[in-house]
Amino acid sequence: MSDCSIKRCRGREYYCTVELTLNIIGGKWKPIILYHLGNGGTRRFGELKKAMPNITQKMLTQQLRELEHDGLVHRKVYAEVPPRVEYSLTEFGLTILPVLQSLSQWGNKYENKYQEAQEIQENIPKESILI
């Protein structure tokens, strides 16, 4: 781990690189957007929206703009009617994929551990539970 003193990068103040990383990719939607672009390749806005049905159009637009500003997502606009816009990971954006894959693997382990415990608990007859 590096020294955690105040630093600045692209208008952000942070004390350690973990804080910087979470400022860039943190939140509810950014990791999911990056994950879908990493696994599915280039996607149109509608495809991303369909892959994440709980995100609003406004939030998806905002998050994509922030990821583009931070250099992780490339936005390509085609000069046609109606306009077509495609999103993909930049070369630097691709470097976050191993981190997201590790998070996904950890999530699978967590899910398996606690899903098994939940199933065991649900199979215990209620009359045998002491209150």
C-alpha atoms as a PDB file:
ATOM      1  CA  MET A   1       0.000   0.000   0.000  1.00  0.00           C
ATOM      2  CA  SER A   2       1.178   3.495  -0.752  1.00  0.00           C
ATOM      3  CA  ASP A   3       1.329   6.560   1.452  1.00  0.00           C
ATOM      4  CA  CYS A   4      -2.123   8.049   2.005  1.00  0.00           C
ATOM      5  CA  SER A   5      -1.538  11.805   1.799  1.00  0.00           C
ATOM      6  CA  ILE A   6      -3.750  14.257  -0.105  1.00  0.00           C
ATOM      7  CA  LYS A   7      -3.330  14.053  -3.863  1.00  0.00           C
ATOM      8  CA  ARG A   8      -5.122  15.437  -6.906  1.00  0.00           C
ATOM      9  CA  CYS A   9      -5.953  13.863 -10.254  1.00  0.00           C
ATOM     10  CA  ARG A  10      -8.220  15.315 -12.948  1.00  0.00           C
ATOM     11  CA  GLY A  11     -10.021  17.604 -10.530  1.00  0.00           C
ATOM     12  CA  ARG A  12     -10.451  14.985  -7.809  1.00  0.00           C
ATOM     13  CA  GLU A  13      -8.910  15.157  -4.373  1.00  0.00           C
ATOM     14  CA  TYR A  14      -8.171  11.863  -2.664  1.00  0.00           C
ATOM     15  CA  TYR A  15      -5.956  10.444   0.040  1.00  0.00           C
ATOM     16  CA  CYS A  16      -5.148   7.031  -1.379  1.00  0.00           C
ATOM     17  CA  THR A  17      -5.529   5.294  -4.710  1.00  0.00           C
ATOM     18  CA  VAL A  18      -8.339   3.059  -3.426  1.00  0.00           C
ATOM     19  CA  GLU A  19     -10.382   6.208  -2.820  1.00  0.00           C
ATOM     20  CA  LEU A  20      -9.539   7.456  -6.332  1.00  0.00           C
ATOM     21  CA  THR A  21     -10.516   4.120  -7.862  1.00  0.00           C
ATOM     22  CA  LEU A  22     -13.853   4.086  -6.052  1.00  0.00           C
ATOM     23  CA  ASN A  23     -14.489   7.694  -7.122  1.00  0.00           C
ATOM     24  CA  ILE A  24     -14.068   6.614 -10.735  1.00  0.00           C
ATOM     25  CA  ILE A  25     -15.787   3.216 -10.854  1.00  0.00           C
ATOM     26  CA  GLY A  26     -17.783   3.225  -7.626  1.00  0.00           C
ATOM     27  CA  GLY A  27     -21.502   3.435  -7.220  1.00  0.00           C
ATOM     28  CA  LYS A  28     -24.367   1.172  -8.069  1.00  0.00           C
ATOM     29  CA  TRP A  29     -24.210   1.295 -11.863  1.00  0.00           C
ATOM     30  CA  LYS A  30     -20.704   2.002 -13.153  1.00  0.00           C
ATOM     31  CA  PRO A  31     -19.236  -1.434 -12.368  1.00  0.00           C
ATOM     32  CA  ILE A  32     -22.260  -3.086 -14.006  1.00  0.00           C
ATOM     33  CA  ILE A  33     -21.950  -0.916 -17.120  1.00  0.00           C
ATOM     34  CA  LEU A  34     -18.236  -1.707 -17.359  1.00  0.00           C
ATOM     35  CA  TYR A  35     -18.950  -5.415 -16.809  1.00  0.00           C
ATOM     36  CA  HIS A  36     -21.517  -5.505 -19.642  1.00  0.00           C
ATOM     37  CA  LEU A  37     -19.252  -3.607 -22.031  1.00  0.00           C
ATOM     38  CA  GLY A  38     -16.357  -5.888 -21.103  1.00  0.00           C
ATOM     39  CA  ASN A  39     -18.295  -9.096 -21.615  1.00  0.00           C
ATOM     40  CA  GLY A  40     -20.521  -8.032 -24.504  1.00  0.00           C
ATOM     41  CA  GLY A  41     -18.184  -5.765 -26.388  1.00  0.00           C
ATOM     42  CA  THR A  42     -19.538  -2.732 -28.198  1.00  0.00           C
ATOM     43  CA  ARG A  43     -23.129  -1.983 -27.260  1.00  0.00           C
ATOM     44  CA  ARG A  44     -25.770   0.515 -28.218  1.00  0.00           C
ATOM     45  CA  PHE A  45     -27.569   2.495 -25.536  1.00  0.00           C
ATOM     46  CA  GLY A  46     -30.739   0.398 -25.855  1.00  0.00           C
ATOM     47  CA  GLU A  47     -28.780  -2.829 -25.461  1.00  0.00           C
ATOM     48  CA  LEU A  48     -27.190  -1.568 -22.257  1.00  0.00           C
ATOM     49  CA  LYS A  49     -30.582  -0.415 -20.969  1.00  0.00           C
ATOM     50  CA  LYS A  50     -32.076  -3.828 -21.727  1.00  0.00           C
ATOM     51  CA  ALA A  51     -29.215  -5.573 -19.906  1.00  0.00           C
ATOM     52  CA  MET A  52     -29.888  -3.378 -16.834  1.00  0.00           C
ATOM     53  CA  PRO A  53     -33.673  -3.058 -16.596  1.00  0.00           C
ATOM     54  CA  ASN A  54     -33.615  -1.318 -13.197  1.00  0.00           C
ATOM     55  CA  ILE A  55     -31.518   1.657 -14.334  1.00  0.00           C
ATOM     56  CA  THR A  56     -33.303   4.761 -15.566  1.00  0.00           C
ATOM     57  CA  GLN A  57     -32.464   6.259 -18.940  1.00  0.00           C
ATOM     58  CA  LYS A  58     -31.279   9.444 -17.220  1.00  0.00           C
ATOM     59  CA  MET A  59     -28.958   7.548 -14.854  1.00  0.00           C
ATOM     60  CA  LEU A  60     -27.512   5.398 -17.653  1.00  0.00           C
ATOM     61  CA  THR A  61     -26.810   8.528 -19.712  1.00  0.00           C
ATOM     62  CA  GLN A  62     -25.159  10.234 -16.735  1.00  0.00           C
ATOM     63  CA  GLN A  63     -23.016   7.236 -15.824  1.00  0.00           C
ATOM     64  CA  LEU A  64     -21.894   6.687 -19.420  1.00  0.00           C
ATOM     65  CA  ARG A  65     -20.908  10.362 -19.694  1.00  0.00           C
ATOM     66  CA  GLU A  66     -18.855  10.134 -16.492  1.00  0.00           C
ATOM     67  CA  LEU A  67     -17.140   6.941 -17.649  1.00  0.00           C
ATOM     68  CA  GLU A  68     -16.407   8.580 -20.996  1.00  0.00           C
ATOM     69  CA  HIS A  69     -15.016  11.679 -19.249  1.00  0.00           C
ATOM     70  CA  ASP A  70     -12.776   9.449 -17.112  1.00  0.00           C
ATOM     71  CA  GLY A  71     -11.397   7.692 -20.190  1.00  0.00           C
ATOM     72  CA  LEU A  72     -12.879   4.245 -19.579  1.00  0.00           C
ATOM     73  CA  VAL A  73     -15.653   4.280 -22.187  1.00  0.00           C
ATOM     74  CA  HIS A  74     -15.538   5.346 -25.825  1.00  0.00           C
ATOM     75  CA  ARG A  75     -18.674   6.827 -27.401  1.00  0.00           C
ATOM     76  CA  LYS A  76     -18.946   6.616 -31.183  1.00  0.00           C
ATOM     77  CA  VAL A  77     -21.662   8.580 -32.965  1.00  0.00           C
ATOM     78  CA  TYR A  78     -22.564   7.584 -36.514  1.00  0.00           C
ATOM     79  CA  ALA A  79     -23.729  10.299 -38.911  1.00  0.00           C
ATOM     80  CA  GLU A  80     -26.971   8.676 -39.975  1.00  0.00           C
ATOM     81  CA  VAL A  81     -30.671   9.239 -39.445  1.00  0.00           C
ATOM     82  CA  PRO A  82     -31.763   8.262 -36.898  1.00  0.00           C
ATOM     83  CA  PRO A  83     -28.433   8.776 -35.097  1.00  0.00           C
ATOM     84  CA  ARG A  84     -26.696   5.629 -33.939  1.00  0.00           C
ATOM     85  CA  VAL A  85     -24.422   5.725 -30.897  1.00  0.00           C
ATOM     86  CA  GLU A  86     -22.240   2.853 -29.737  1.00  0.00           C
ATOM     87  CA  TYR A  87     -20.309   2.453 -26.500  1.00  0.00           C
ATOM     88  CA  SER A  88     -17.216   0.359 -25.924  1.00  0.00           C
ATOM     89  CA  LEU A  89     -14.383   0.152 -23.440  1.00  0.00           C
ATOM     90  CA  THR A  90     -11.262   2.107 -24.231  1.00  0.00           C
ATOM     91  CA  GLU A  91      -7.903   0.385 -24.138  1.00  0.00           C
ATOM     92  CA  PHE A  92      -7.454   1.700 -20.606  1.00  0.00           C
ATOM     93  CA  GLY A  93     -11.037   0.719 -19.744  1.00  0.00           C
ATOM     94  CA  LEU A  94     -10.166  -2.894 -20.588  1.00  0.00           C
ATOM     95  CA  THR A  95      -7.627  -2.879 -17.738  1.00  0.00           C
ATOM     96  CA  ILE A  96     -10.459  -2.792 -15.163  1.00  0.00           C
ATOM     97  CA  LEU A  97     -11.882  -6.137 -16.339  1.00  0.00           C
ATOM     98  CA  PRO A  98      -9.688  -8.374 -14.124  1.00  0.00           C
ATOM     99  CA  VAL A  99     -10.871  -6.369 -11.097  1.00  0.00           C
ATOM    100  CA  LEU A 100     -14.524  -6.778 -12.114  1.00  0.00           C
ATOM    101  CA  GLN A 101     -13.991 -10.498 -12.774  1.00  0.00           C
ATOM    102  CA  SER A 102     -12.523 -10.862  -9.274  1.00  0.00           C
ATOM    103  CA  LEU A 103     -15.553  -9.060  -7.824  1.00  0.00           C
ATOM    104  CA  SER A 104     -17.849 -11.389  -9.771  1.00  0.00           C
ATOM    105  CA  GLN A 105     -16.024 -14.490  -8.513  1.00  0.00           C
ATOM    106  CA  TRP A 106     -16.187 -13.217  -4.943  1.00  0.00           C
ATOM    107  CA  GLY A 107     -19.921 -12.548  -5.378  1.00  0.00           C
ATOM    108  CA  ASN A 108     -20.427 -16.127  -6.597  1.00  0.00           C
ATOM    109  CA  LYS A 109     -18.625 -17.478  -3.527  1.00  0.00           C
ATOM    110  CA  TYR A 110     -20.692 -15.275  -1.237  1.00  0.00           C
ATOM    111  CA  GLU A 111     -23.917 -16.284  -2.964  1.00  0.00           C
ATOM    112  CA  ASN A 112     -23.077 -19.997  -2.725  1.00  0.00           C
ATOM    113  CA  LYS A 113     -22.068 -19.794   0.938  1.00  0.00           C
ATOM    114  CA  TYR A 114     -25.166 -17.986   2.095  1.00  0.00           C
ATOM    115  CA  GLN A 115     -27.609 -19.577  -0.327  1.00  0.00           C
ATOM    116  CA  GLU A 116     -26.694 -22.996   1.093  1.00  0.00           C
ATOM    117  CA  ALA A 117     -27.178 -21.688   4.638  1.00  0.00           C
ATOM    118  CA  GLN A 118     -30.561 -20.195   3.659  1.00  0.00           C
ATOM    119  CA  GLU A 119     -31.705 -23.492   2.091  1.00  0.00           C
ATOM    120  CA  ILE A 120     -30.695 -25.435   5.213  1.00  0.00           C
ATOM    121  CA  GLN A 121     -32.541 -22.971   7.432  1.00  0.00           C
ATOM    122  CA  GLU A 122     -35.662 -23.130   5.255  1.00  0.00           C
ATOM    123  CA  ASN A 123     -35.692 -26.941   5.465  1.00  0.00           C
ATOM    124  CA  ILE A 124     -35.742 -27.010   9.293  1.00  0.00           C
ATOM    125  CA  PRO A 125     -39.274 -27.793  10.494  1.00  0.00           C
ATOM    126  CA  LYS A 126     -40.757 -24.721  12.190  1.00  0.00           C
ATOM    127  CA  GLU A 127     -41.927 -26.729  15.211  1.00  0.00           C
ATOM    128  CA  SER A 128     -38.331 -27.670  16.000  1.00  0.00           C
ATOM    129  CA  ILE A 129     -37.218 -24.012  16.244  1.00  0.00           C
ATOM    130  CA  LEU A 130     -37.121 -22.778  19.818  1.00  0.00           C
ATOM    131  CA  ILE A 131     -38.264 -19.242  20.411  1.00  0.00           C
END
